[in-house]
């Protein structure tokens, strides 16, 4: 079960800090972050990574920069929680 506080923070980041036209109320934690869901492109994903690293004080390793952690907001929240626990 994804950490609800992390999911809410991610929704806020995507809606308020990324230069994309999406409202927080339109975001579902199970939606894909890519074309078939929210529609983030590679530039928006890189911006999101920078925001996440700053907000949660974590660093993505090169091997973690794959599609898997970004499948949806719940998966991403679980990934962040695991990184914070390390």
Foldseek 3Di string as FASTA:
>chain_A
DFDPVQLLVLLCCLQPPFPDPDHSVQADQQAQVPDRGVNDDPVRVVVSQVVLCVVLVFHDDPVNPDRQCRRGSRSVRVVSVVRSVD
